[in-house]
Amino acid sequence: MLSSVSDSMQRFLIATRNSHKTEEIRSMLGAVYEVIDLNAEECSHFPEVAETGTTFLENATLKAVEISKLTEGIILSDDSGLEVDALGGEPGVYSSRYAGKDGDNEANNAKLMNELGKLDANTLRSARFRCVMVLAQAGEVLAYFDGSVEGSIISELTGDGGFGYDPLFVPDGYDQTFAQLGEEIKNTLSHRANALKKVVQYLNK
């Protein structure tokens, strides 16, 4: 929900139980917003929304619309993932469950490295993180926004920060992975940051 908490703060409900994603959004939005997600006690009875879409937009829409039917205010949903050109865009919308189990970062990264290892050593490893965010209220979509960041995949896990595929992704213009660059830098150039900037501009019109 996006509702007033005080004279200087608004409240965002993010339609996710991924605490890493919520923390990134919270950090990017700053002190102007109170950010909660579906792990909050008041949302504990909300059902899981099946991500049956075949695109980031479809999945983000499913989550935003269904959760917005259960509570007042504006709901923000995010669906995002990694697209590797040499793998035909995989893992794409299946990024969080690439190896079969949702959220198993270690297994997902291992599968990605294994799949790339099957290719010719000279194959370009260009890739991008993509994010689509949807705002919904009372079961209706208000707007959607997208963001991306281009980069490449390296051959071994590097860095201790971030989550997901961050230890394998080096953004263009840098020589370190997202897991090495740290939150402050990542949150200025990531796919999620680029989409969220558009969300804030829309809400502040």
Protein backbone atom coordinates (compact mmCIF):
# COMPACT_ATOMS: atom_id res chain seq x y z
CA MET A 1 0.00 0.00 0.00
CA LEU A 2 1.17 3.53 -0.57
CA SER A 3 -0.44 5.50 2.20
CA SER A 4 0.49 8.32 4.53
CA VAL A 5 2.40 7.30 7.69
CA SER A 6 3.39 10.79 8.73
CA ASP A 7 3.66 14.22 7.20
CA SER A 8 7.02 13.29 5.68
CA MET A 9 6.74 9.57 5.03
CA GLN A 10 4.67 7.35 2.75
CA ARG A 11 4.21 3.61 2.98
CA PHE A 12 4.99 1.13 0.23
CA LEU A 13 3.81 -2.47 0.21
CA ILE A 14 5.98 -4.57 -2.08
CA ALA A 15 4.27 -7.70 -3.39
CA THR A 16 7.14 -10.04 -2.51
CA ARG A 17 8.48 -12.23 0.26
CA ASN A 18 12.03 -11.86 -1.07
CA SER A 19 13.70 -9.90 1.72
CA HIS A 20 16.79 -9.18 -0.40
CA LYS A 21 14.64 -7.49 -3.05
CA THR A 22 12.75 -5.52 -0.40
CA GLU A 23 15.95 -4.32 1.23
CA GLU A 24 17.30 -3.08 -2.12
CA ILE A 25 14.10 -1.15 -2.80
CA ARG A 26 14.07 0.23 0.76
CA SER A 27 17.64 1.43 0.39
CA MET A 28 16.94 3.05 -2.98
CA LEU A 29 13.80 4.87 -1.83
CA GLY A 30 15.43 6.29 1.28
CA ALA A 31 13.82 7.80 4.35
CA VAL A 32 10.86 9.33 2.50
CA TYR A 33 9.11 5.93 2.40
CA GLU A 34 8.37 3.17 4.88
CA VAL A 35 8.78 -0.04 2.88
CA ILE A 36 7.18 -3.32 3.94
CA ASP A 37 6.59 -6.57 2.09
CA LEU A 38 4.46 -9.69 2.39
CA ASN A 39 6.56 -10.90 5.33
CA ALA A 40 4.92 -8.23 7.49
CA GLU A 41 2.57 -9.61 10.12
CA GLU A 42 -0.42 -7.80 8.66
CA CYS A 43 0.19 -9.58 5.33
CA SER A 44 1.01 -13.03 6.68
CA HIS A 45 -2.37 -14.42 5.60
CA PHE A 46 -1.97 -13.28 1.99
CA PRO A 47 -1.61 -16.26 -0.40
CA GLU A 48 1.34 -16.95 -2.67
CA VAL A 49 0.67 -15.72 -6.20
CA ALA A 50 1.76 -18.27 -8.80
CA GLU A 51 4.12 -16.78 -11.38
CA THR A 52 2.58 -18.45 -14.40
CA GLY A 53 3.49 -15.74 -16.90
CA THR A 54 6.08 -16.12 -19.63
CA THR A 55 7.39 -12.54 -19.39
CA PHE A 56 8.54 -10.30 -16.57
CA LEU A 57 5.58 -8.00 -17.22
CA GLU A 58 3.06 -10.84 -17.00
CA ASN A 59 4.46 -12.09 -13.70
CA ALA A 60 4.77 -8.64 -12.16
CA THR A 61 1.20 -7.87 -13.20
CA LEU A 62 -0.14 -11.09 -11.68
CA LYS A 63 1.45 -10.31 -8.32
CA ALA A 64 0.51 -6.63 -8.20
CA VAL A 65 -3.11 -7.16 -9.24
CA GLU A 66 -3.82 -10.09 -6.92
CA ILE A 67 -2.30 -8.47 -3.84
CA SER A 68 -4.03 -5.16 -4.58
CA LYS A 69 -7.36 -6.95 -4.30
CA LEU A 70 -6.57 -7.85 -0.68
CA THR A 71 -5.64 -4.46 0.78
CA GLU A 72 -6.07 -0.75 0.27
CA GLY A 73 -3.58 1.54 -1.35
CA ILE A 74 -1.14 1.17 -4.23
CA ILE A 75 0.86 -2.04 -4.51
CA LEU A 76 4.29 -2.28 -6.14
CA SER A 77 5.37 -5.54 -7.74
CA ASP A 78 8.73 -6.37 -9.26
CA ASP A 79 9.69 -9.25 -11.53
CA SER A 80 13.26 -9.40 -12.68
CA GLY A 81 16.02 -11.68 -13.83
CA LEU A 82 19.12 -12.31 -15.86
CA GLU A 83 19.20 -12.72 -19.65
CA VAL A 84 22.31 -14.30 -21.16
CA ASP A 85 22.54 -13.80 -24.92
CA ALA A 86 24.55 -16.96 -25.64
CA LEU A 87 21.85 -19.01 -23.89
CA GLY A 88 18.99 -17.51 -25.89
CA GLY A 89 17.96 -15.20 -23.06
CA GLU A 90 18.02 -17.82 -20.32
CA PRO A 91 17.43 -17.97 -17.44
CA GLY A 92 15.04 -15.03 -17.98
CA VAL A 93 11.77 -15.26 -16.09
CA TYR A 94 12.98 -18.50 -14.52
CA SER A 95 16.04 -16.84 -12.97
CA SER A 96 15.11 -17.50 -9.34
CA ARG A 97 14.27 -21.16 -10.04
CA TYR A 98 16.71 -21.91 -12.86
CA ALA A 99 18.03 -25.02 -11.13
CA GLY A 100 14.58 -26.15 -10.02
CA LYS A 101 14.15 -24.78 -6.49
CA ASP A 102 13.04 -21.19 -6.06
CA GLY A 103 15.63 -18.97 -4.45
CA ASP A 104 18.52 -21.48 -4.43
CA ASN A 105 21.24 -19.04 -5.46
CA GLU A 106 24.08 -21.52 -5.18
CA ALA A 107 22.37 -24.08 -7.44
CA ASN A 108 21.26 -21.41 -9.92
CA ASN A 109 24.77 -20.03 -10.28
CA ALA A 110 26.20 -23.52 -10.64
CA LYS A 111 23.76 -24.33 -13.44
CA LEU A 112 24.52 -21.08 -15.24
CA MET A 113 28.26 -21.75 -15.13
CA ASN A 114 27.68 -25.30 -16.29
CA GLU A 115 25.54 -24.22 -19.25
CA LEU A 116 28.07 -21.60 -20.32
CA GLY A 117 30.86 -24.13 -19.92
CA LYS A 118 29.30 -26.21 -22.69
CA LEU A 119 29.81 -23.41 -25.20
CA ASP A 120 32.88 -22.55 -27.24
CA ALA A 121 35.47 -20.76 -25.13
CA ASN A 122 35.33 -17.74 -27.45
CA THR A 123 31.58 -17.31 -27.11
CA LEU A 124 30.63 -13.81 -26.00
CA ARG A 125 29.13 -13.74 -22.52
CA SER A 126 27.07 -10.59 -22.90
CA ALA A 127 24.07 -10.40 -20.59
CA ARG A 128 21.72 -8.03 -18.85
CA PHE A 129 19.63 -7.83 -15.74
CA ARG A 130 16.05 -6.77 -16.53
CA CYS A 131 13.33 -5.58 -14.18
CA VAL A 132 9.67 -4.75 -14.70
CA MET A 133 7.71 -2.99 -11.95
CA VAL A 134 3.93 -2.74 -11.88
CA LEU A 135 1.74 -0.48 -9.77
CA ALA A 136 -1.79 -1.70 -9.08
CA GLN A 137 -4.74 -0.65 -6.93
CA ALA A 138 -8.03 -2.39 -6.24
CA GLY A 139 -7.32 -5.09 -8.81
CA GLU A 140 -6.39 -2.72 -11.63
CA VAL A 141 -3.01 -1.91 -13.16
CA LEU A 142 -2.10 1.77 -12.84
CA ALA A 143 1.21 1.73 -14.72
CA TYR A 144 4.28 -0.35 -15.42
CA PHE A 145 7.95 0.49 -15.82
CA ASP A 146 11.07 -1.31 -16.97
CA GLY A 147 14.77 -1.02 -16.30
CA SER A 148 17.88 -2.88 -17.37
CA VAL A 149 21.65 -2.89 -17.00
CA GLU A 150 24.02 -4.39 -19.57
CA GLY A 151 27.08 -6.40 -18.69
CA SER A 152 28.76 -9.78 -19.02
CA ILE A 153 29.08 -13.08 -17.17
CA ILE A 154 32.45 -14.17 -15.78
CA SER A 155 33.57 -17.76 -15.30
CA GLU A 156 33.74 -17.97 -11.51
CA LEU A 157 31.93 -16.56 -8.51
CA THR A 158 33.60 -13.36 -7.33
CA GLY A 159 32.59 -11.21 -4.36
CA ASP A 160 30.62 -11.69 -1.17
CA GLY A 161 27.93 -9.02 -1.50
CA GLY A 162 24.58 -8.89 -3.25
CA PHE A 163 22.49 -11.96 -3.99
CA GLY A 164 21.39 -14.15 -6.87
CA TYR A 165 23.67 -13.90 -9.88
CA ASP A 166 25.52 -10.83 -8.58
CA PRO A 167 28.85 -12.69 -8.10
CA LEU A 168 28.90 -13.57 -11.81
CA PHE A 169 27.70 -10.32 -13.38
CA VAL A 170 30.07 -7.48 -14.29
CA PRO A 171 28.18 -4.34 -15.46
CA ASP A 172 29.48 -2.50 -18.50
CA GLY A 173 32.02 0.16 -17.58
CA TYR A 174 33.26 -1.70 -14.50
CA ASP A 175 35.77 -4.46 -13.83
CA GLN A 176 34.10 -5.86 -10.72
CA THR A 177 30.94 -7.88 -10.18
CA PHE A 178 27.82 -6.54 -8.51
CA ALA A 179 28.85 -8.66 -5.52
CA GLN A 180 32.12 -6.70 -5.29
CA LEU A 181 30.91 -3.20 -6.09
CA GLY A 182 28.79 -2.88 -2.97
CA GLU A 183 25.26 -1.71 -2.35
CA GLU A 184 25.91 2.00 -2.80
CA ILE A 185 27.25 1.65 -6.35
CA LYS A 186 24.94 -1.19 -7.38
CA ASN A 187 21.86 0.74 -6.28
CA THR A 188 22.70 3.64 -8.59
CA LEU A 189 22.97 1.62 -11.79
CA SER A 190 21.08 -1.66 -11.37
CA HIS A 191 18.05 -2.74 -13.36
CA ARG A 192 15.91 -2.36 -10.26
CA ALA A 193 17.20 1.15 -9.60
CA ASN A 194 16.46 2.21 -13.18
CA ALA A 195 12.88 0.93 -12.99
CA LEU A 196 12.29 2.37 -9.53
CA LYS A 197 13.38 5.85 -10.63
CA LYS A 198 10.52 5.79 -13.14
CA VAL A 199 8.07 4.62 -10.45
CA VAL A 200 9.00 7.53 -8.18
CA GLN A 201 8.73 10.02 -11.04
CA TYR A 202 5.24 8.69 -11.80
CA LEU A 203 4.09 8.93 -8.20
CA ASN A 204 5.46 12.44 -7.80
CA LYS A 205 3.77 13.85 -10.92
